Amino acid sequence: MQLLIGFLLGALIGFASLKARALSLSGALAATLTGGLIFGLGGVPWAVLLLTFFITSSALSRAFKRQKASLNEKFAKGSQRDWGQVLANGGLGALLAVAYGLVPQSNWVWITFAGAMAAVNADTWSTELGVLSAIPPRLVSNGKVVERGTSGGITPLGTLSALAGSALVGILAATFSPGDRFWGTWGIVSLGGLAGALFDSLLGATVQGIYYCPICQKETERHPRHLCGAETRHVRGWRWLNNDLVNFACSGMGALVSFLVWRLFLAMQ
């Protein structure tokens, strides 16, 4: 029954997001699947973390549209998320929800899920707010100054935004965690989320597939065609490693770091 209710809630949120144009049709269907598993198998605590990410990320992607309008050419997709973006950010969480349904007493599943959600939240906050920085971004790999919106570019504002987005999920995860380890859980999840966001930037600066528009003379994540309609050509990185896969790797790193630090934390008790 709980799983059925979870899917009904997932479908309701997917439909509302479709009407609000926060998700495309494929995104709404993917949200129904991932949300249904997370809501139905994880319950209220898991739902709160997922909804925190979804609501804040959707709001930030729509905020400051005028200031960010010129950067749309840089990003692979717009603010209306499709199925690939939904699974990239929530797919690992859904898999962990299934694991939790099989072994509900395992605390490691919860802390790992929280780390994954903290990472995608941190990454979204850093992307959406970091591009507003008055300080030019620098590649995380070598410190080279790059244009705003360039994959792998970081700013102080973006890094602080990542930390804030991760810390918010960490606070909520700690609130729902059993026992008296509030600050320990908060620190672990916050650290995992920040690590995931920085890993996302590192992949963007080094191995993510990046293309070039010969008409606009701009680097972009868009392929095979740029916003102007021109065909883009590959200039660096692995062609198969697109932004969706980088985001999935971001959630995976957040989950992994949170799990490893949690194990270390327990070993020190």
Foldseek 3Di string as FASTA:
>chain_A
DLLVVQLVVQLVVLVVCCVVLQAPPQCSVLSSLLRSLQCSQVNDLSNVLVVLLSVVLLVLLPPPCVLCVVLCLAEADHSHHHNLQNCLLRVVLSVLSVVCSVVVVDVLSLLLSLLLSLQLQLQSQLLSFVLVDPDFWAAPVPRHGDHRSQQRTGDPRSLVSSLVSQLVSQQSSLVPDDDDCSVVSSVLSSVLNSQLNNQLSNCSRAAEWWWAFPVVRDIHLHPQATPVGGGTGTDHHDPVRGSSNSSSSSSNSSSVSSSVVVVVVVVVD
